[in-house]
Amino acid sequence: MQNQIDLVTFGPEHLDEAVALSRSESWPHRREDWAMVQKLSAGVVATNSDGRVTGTTFMTPFGNDYATINMVIVDKSMRGLGLGRKLMERAFELAGKRPLRLIATKEGLPLYEKLGFIATGTIRQHQGEVHAVERPQGVEDMQAGDVEAVRALDREACGADRSALLDALLERGRIAVVRKGDAIEAWAAIRPFGRGEVIGPVIAPDAKTACALIAYFACSREGSFLRVDTGSETGLAPWLSEIGLAHVGGGVTMRRPLTEDAGEPQHKIFALVSQALG
């Protein structure tokens, strides 16, 4: 295999084949979704002797605080030959000394465990054509002057500076906020993704506020396809199912190394930007 496969930097010229590779796995990602991850990340692509893309992975850094490993795909014809491990090892090199996080599929879980990742929880993927949802009170579109407060809330909840990611969300979608006096208490984003739109992240002090943020976007989209990726511990799953977003799968959250958090933040992440980006 070493004579047939090259590992090279993922460039824009690889996007179309990467989309085809993800579609073969029944992933919903569009070319635009791949391009967003690429813009935020350092990527590696495996190509065979004919130049065909046979594997991908990205390392998305959030400062020096941590990085996510994502979009790990190996062509079905190349599995069992160690290519997945080689892609992961290259991602480790790109990450340097940063702690690593990922969300594992059932197929990838055994490899990640061998590479030292420890399971920390589960993610539930909810999606479907949303039912009629009542418009919530106290939620509004973000104003230009709110950007720094939103960034600060995100840093508190995530423990890292995700400014580049927030810039990408502002470029591609909308952000809604909940105010408490003059302060931003919670926020959420919506953007085009896959078959429709995805709501996330959702950062709030409690589940009630998180549901209000989701409802703010959902209330104007009756019958449209929406997706929300939420942790099993958030308690949002029953309500998401009630509004038409069925549980259709998910993944296992993992870290390497496993480090204890400094403390429970006042605001929590109730929904992810995506399973790739956290």
Protein backbone atom coordinates (compact mmCIF):
# COMPACT_ATOMS: atom_id res chain seq x y z
CA MET A 1 0.00 0.00 0.00
CA GLN A 2 2.86 2.41 0.77
CA ASN A 3 3.90 2.26 -2.90
CA GLN A 4 0.36 3.07 -4.05
CA ILE A 5 -0.82 5.72 -1.59
CA ASP A 6 0.41 9.27 -1.04
CA LEU A 7 -0.65 11.47 1.86
CA VAL A 8 -0.78 15.10 0.75
CA THR A 9 -2.24 18.38 1.94
CA PHE A 10 -5.97 18.65 1.36
CA GLY A 11 -6.58 21.41 -1.19
CA PRO A 12 -9.62 22.87 -2.98
CA GLU A 13 -8.89 20.55 -5.88
CA HIS A 14 -9.85 17.59 -3.67
CA LEU A 15 -13.29 18.87 -2.63
CA ASP A 16 -15.38 17.20 -5.33
CA GLU A 17 -13.87 13.76 -4.74
CA ALA A 18 -14.19 14.23 -0.99
CA VAL A 19 -17.91 14.94 -1.42
CA ALA A 20 -18.25 11.74 -3.46
CA LEU A 21 -16.41 9.81 -0.75
CA SER A 22 -18.72 11.12 1.97
CA ARG A 23 -21.81 10.38 -0.12
CA SER A 24 -20.68 6.78 -0.43
CA GLU A 25 -20.95 6.70 3.38
CA SER A 26 -24.45 8.29 3.24
CA TRP A 27 -23.15 11.49 4.84
CA PRO A 28 -25.25 14.53 3.86
CA HIS A 29 -22.37 16.99 3.44
CA ARG A 30 -22.46 19.32 0.45
CA ARG A 31 -19.39 20.77 -1.22
CA GLU A 32 -20.01 23.97 0.77
CA ASP A 33 -19.97 22.00 4.03
CA TRP A 34 -16.63 20.42 3.20
CA ALA A 35 -15.25 23.82 2.15
CA MET A 36 -16.22 25.35 5.50
CA VAL A 37 -14.32 22.67 7.42
CA GLN A 38 -11.35 22.98 5.09
CA LYS A 39 -11.17 26.75 5.62
CA LEU A 40 -10.99 26.26 9.39
CA SER A 41 -8.64 23.26 9.39
CA ALA A 42 -5.45 21.60 8.27
CA GLY A 43 -6.35 18.60 6.12
CA VAL A 44 -4.76 15.48 4.71
CA VAL A 45 -5.92 13.48 1.74
CA ALA A 46 -4.80 10.02 0.64
CA THR A 47 -4.50 9.48 -3.11
CA ASN A 48 -3.71 6.31 -5.05
CA SER A 49 -1.36 5.93 -8.02
CA ASP A 50 -4.06 7.29 -10.34
CA GLY A 51 -4.52 10.38 -8.17
CA ARG A 52 -7.93 9.26 -6.93
CA VAL A 53 -8.89 10.32 -3.40
CA THR A 54 -9.10 7.26 -1.14
CA GLY A 55 -9.10 8.86 2.31
CA THR A 56 -9.44 12.15 4.18
CA THR A 57 -9.00 13.71 7.60
CA PHE A 58 -8.94 17.21 9.08
CA MET A 59 -7.46 18.72 12.23
CA THR A 60 -9.37 21.82 13.34
CA PRO A 61 -7.46 23.87 15.95
CA PHE A 62 -9.07 26.18 18.49
CA GLY A 63 -6.05 28.16 19.52
CA ASN A 64 -3.74 25.99 21.58
CA ASP A 65 -6.58 24.85 23.85
CA TYR A 66 -7.63 21.80 21.83
CA ALA A 67 -8.29 20.52 18.32
CA THR A 68 -10.95 18.32 16.80
CA ILE A 69 -10.15 15.46 14.43
CA ASN A 70 -12.90 15.12 11.85
CA MET A 71 -14.04 14.06 8.39
CA VAL A 72 -12.09 10.81 8.73
CA ILE A 73 -13.10 8.63 5.78
CA VAL A 74 -11.35 5.69 4.12
CA ASP A 75 -12.65 4.34 0.82
CA LYS A 76 -14.28 0.93 1.24
CA SER A 77 -11.77 -0.63 -1.16
CA MET A 78 -8.87 0.47 1.07
CA ARG A 79 -10.09 -0.63 4.48
CA GLY A 80 -8.15 -3.10 6.56
CA LEU A 81 -4.81 -1.91 5.16
CA GLY A 82 -3.87 0.55 7.90
CA LEU A 83 -4.77 3.71 5.98
CA GLY A 84 -7.09 4.99 8.71
CA ARG A 85 -4.28 4.81 11.25
CA LYS A 86 -1.86 6.59 8.89
CA LEU A 87 -4.34 9.41 8.35
CA MET A 88 -4.88 9.75 12.09
CA GLU A 89 -1.14 9.78 12.78
CA ARG A 90 -0.71 12.59 10.25
CA ALA A 91 -3.53 14.51 11.97
CA PHE A 92 -1.69 14.05 15.30
CA GLU A 93 1.41 15.62 13.74
CA LEU A 94 -0.64 18.60 12.58
CA ALA A 95 -2.21 19.00 16.04
CA GLY A 96 1.13 19.15 17.83
CA LYS A 97 0.68 19.14 21.61
CA ARG A 98 -2.98 20.16 21.58
CA PRO A 99 -5.47 17.90 23.41
CA LEU A 100 -7.70 16.18 20.87
CA ARG A 101 -11.44 15.65 20.62
CA LEU A 102 -13.57 13.78 18.12
CA ILE A 103 -16.98 12.20 17.66
CA ALA A 104 -16.67 8.58 16.65
CA THR A 105 -18.90 6.58 14.37
CA LYS A 106 -19.52 2.95 15.24
CA GLU A 107 -17.10 1.94 12.48
CA GLY A 108 -14.30 4.23 13.66
CA LEU A 109 -14.61 3.57 17.39
CA PRO A 110 -12.22 0.55 17.59
CA LEU A 111 -9.39 2.45 15.85
CA TYR A 112 -9.80 5.53 18.04
CA GLU A 113 -9.71 3.40 21.18
CA LYS A 114 -6.47 1.79 20.00
CA LEU A 115 -5.03 5.27 19.45
CA GLY A 116 -5.71 6.28 23.06
CA PHE A 117 -9.03 8.10 22.81
CA ILE A 118 -11.39 7.73 25.77
CA ALA A 119 -15.19 7.87 25.45
CA THR A 120 -16.79 10.73 27.40
CA GLY A 121 -20.43 10.69 26.26
CA THR A 122 -22.79 10.30 23.33
CA ILE A 123 -24.30 12.63 20.74
CA ARG A 124 -27.84 12.21 19.43
CA GLN A 125 -28.53 13.34 15.87
CA HIS A 126 -32.10 14.65 15.50
CA GLN A 127 -33.52 15.69 12.16
CA GLY A 128 -36.66 15.85 10.06
CA GLU A 129 -39.39 18.15 8.76
CA VAL A 130 -40.22 20.39 11.68
CA HIS A 131 -43.79 20.67 12.95
CA ALA A 132 -45.55 23.93 13.79
CA VAL A 133 -43.72 25.54 16.72
CA GLU A 134 -44.94 28.51 18.74
CA ARG A 135 -42.76 31.60 18.51
CA PRO A 136 -40.94 32.03 21.86
CA GLN A 137 -40.73 35.24 23.82
CA GLY A 138 -37.43 36.88 24.70
CA VAL A 139 -35.36 35.71 21.71
CA GLU A 140 -34.16 38.07 18.99
CA ASP A 141 -31.66 38.33 16.17
CA MET A 142 -28.13 39.24 17.20
CA GLN A 143 -27.08 42.86 16.62
CA ALA A 144 -23.68 43.94 15.32
CA GLY A 145 -22.70 45.19 18.75
CA ASP A 146 -23.33 41.77 20.31
CA VAL A 147 -20.49 39.94 18.57
CA GLU A 148 -17.90 40.26 21.34
CA ALA A 149 -20.40 39.19 24.01
CA VAL A 150 -21.28 36.14 21.93
CA ARG A 151 -17.59 35.29 21.54
CA ALA A 152 -17.07 35.59 25.30
CA LEU A 153 -20.02 33.31 26.06
CA ASP A 154 -18.69 30.77 23.60
CA ARG A 155 -15.22 30.84 25.20
CA GLU A 156 -16.73 30.26 28.62
CA ALA A 157 -18.82 27.29 27.48
CA CYS A 158 -16.12 25.67 25.30
CA GLY A 159 -12.96 26.57 27.16
CA ALA A 160 -11.36 27.79 23.94
CA ASP A 161 -11.32 30.71 21.52
CA ARG A 162 -13.45 29.72 18.51
CA SER A 163 -13.45 33.17 16.86
CA ALA A 164 -12.69 31.82 13.38
CA LEU A 165 -15.57 29.38 13.67
CA LEU A 166 -17.94 32.14 14.77
CA ASP A 167 -16.84 34.27 11.82
CA ALA A 168 -17.72 31.37 9.53
CA LEU A 169 -21.15 31.06 11.13
CA LEU A 170 -21.79 34.79 10.71
CA GLU A 171 -20.77 34.55 7.07
CA ARG A 172 -23.03 31.59 6.32
CA GLY A 173 -26.01 31.89 8.65
CA ARG A 174 -27.85 33.77 11.40
CA ILE A 175 -27.36 34.09 15.14
CA ALA A 176 -30.11 34.65 17.71
CA VAL A 177 -29.62 35.75 21.32
CA VAL A 178 -31.40 35.90 24.66
CA ARG A 179 -30.71 38.97 26.80
CA LYS A 180 -30.73 39.39 30.55
CA GLY A 181 -30.72 43.10 31.15
CA ASP A 182 -27.89 44.47 29.03
CA ALA A 183 -26.00 41.16 28.91
CA ILE A 184 -26.23 38.27 26.43
CA GLU A 185 -27.37 35.22 28.39
CA ALA A 186 -27.60 32.67 25.57
CA TRP A 187 -27.18 32.34 21.81
CA ALA A 188 -27.64 29.96 18.90
CA ALA A 189 -26.84 29.82 15.19
CA ILE A 190 -28.54 28.39 12.11
CA ARG A 191 -26.96 27.80 8.71
CA PRO A 192 -27.49 25.74 5.55
CA PHE A 193 -26.16 22.21 5.86
CA GLY A 194 -26.76 18.91 4.10
CA ARG A 195 -30.43 18.38 3.22
CA GLY A 196 -31.62 21.61 4.82
CA GLU A 197 -30.36 23.61 7.79
CA VAL A 198 -28.62 22.81 11.06
CA ILE A 199 -29.20 24.65 14.35
CA GLY A 200 -26.05 24.87 16.42
CA PRO A 201 -24.23 25.70 18.47
CA VAL A 202 -26.82 26.36 21.14
CA ILE A 203 -25.20 27.80 24.26
CA ALA A 204 -27.48 28.52 27.21
CA PRO A 205 -27.70 28.34 31.01
CA ASP A 206 -30.51 25.78 30.99
CA ALA A 207 -32.59 23.50 28.76
CA LYS A 208 -35.62 25.82 28.74
CA THR A 209 -33.58 28.64 27.24
CA ALA A 210 -31.95 26.24 24.78
CA CYS A 211 -35.38 25.10 23.57
CA ALA A 212 -36.49 28.72 23.17
CA LEU A 213 -33.51 29.45 20.92
CA ILE A 214 -34.21 26.39 18.76
CA ALA A 215 -37.92 27.28 18.61
CA TYR A 216 -37.05 30.81 17.45
CA PHE A 217 -35.58 29.40 14.25
CA ALA A 218 -38.00 26.48 13.90
CA CYS A 219 -41.19 28.58 14.19
CA SER A 220 -40.61 30.14 10.76
CA ARG A 221 -39.67 26.86 9.09
CA GLU A 222 -42.71 24.58 9.42
CA GLY A 223 -42.27 21.64 7.02
CA SER A 224 -38.61 22.43 6.38
CA PHE A 225 -35.76 20.00 7.06
CA LEU A 226 -33.82 20.83 10.21
CA ARG A 227 -31.05 19.06 12.11
CA VAL A 228 -29.86 19.38 15.72
CA ASP A 229 -26.95 17.41 17.24
CA THR A 230 -27.28 17.32 21.01
CA GLY A 231 -25.58 15.54 23.88
CA SER A 232 -27.56 12.73 25.49
CA GLU A 233 -27.21 14.46 28.86
CA THR A 234 -28.88 17.74 27.77
CA GLY A 235 -32.45 16.44 28.08
CA LEU A 236 -33.53 18.00 24.76
CA ALA A 237 -34.24 14.71 22.98
CA PRO A 238 -37.95 14.26 23.94
CA TRP A 239 -38.83 17.83 22.94
CA LEU A 240 -36.89 17.61 19.67
CA SER A 241 -38.81 14.45 18.78
CA GLU A 242 -42.11 16.17 19.63
CA ILE A 243 -41.44 18.96 17.11
CA GLY A 244 -40.63 16.50 14.33
CA LEU A 245 -36.88 16.07 14.67
CA ALA A 246 -36.52 12.31 15.08
CA HIS A 247 -33.49 10.58 16.58
CA VAL A 248 -31.70 9.04 13.60
CA GLY A 249 -28.25 8.20 14.95
CA GLY A 250 -25.28 9.91 16.50
CA GLY A 251 -21.82 9.15 17.78
CA VAL A 252 -19.51 8.79 20.75
CA THR A 253 -17.63 11.84 22.08
CA MET A 254 -13.98 11.04 22.76
CA ARG A 255 -10.87 12.81 24.06
CA ARG A 256 -7.12 12.22 23.97
CA PRO A 257 -5.77 12.60 26.54
CA LEU A 258 -8.65 12.50 28.98
CA THR A 259 -8.30 15.60 31.15
CA GLU A 260 -10.61 16.81 33.88
CA ASP A 261 -12.40 20.09 33.25
CA ALA A 262 -11.52 22.96 35.55
CA GLY A 263 -15.15 23.25 36.60
CA GLU A 264 -18.72 23.22 35.38
CA PRO A 265 -19.31 26.35 33.27
CA GLN A 266 -22.36 28.47 33.98
CA HIS A 267 -23.39 28.12 30.34
CA LYS A 268 -23.51 24.77 28.56
CA ILE A 269 -23.40 23.60 24.97
CA PHE A 270 -26.85 22.17 24.26
CA ALA A 271 -26.26 21.58 20.54
CA LEU A 272 -23.14 21.31 18.39
CA VAL A 273 -22.07 23.35 15.38
CA SER A 274 -21.64 19.92 13.77
CA GLN A 275 -20.30 16.53 14.72
CA ALA A 276 -17.10 17.49 12.88
CA LEU A 277 -16.47 20.78 14.65
CA GLY A 278 -18.05 20.23 18.06
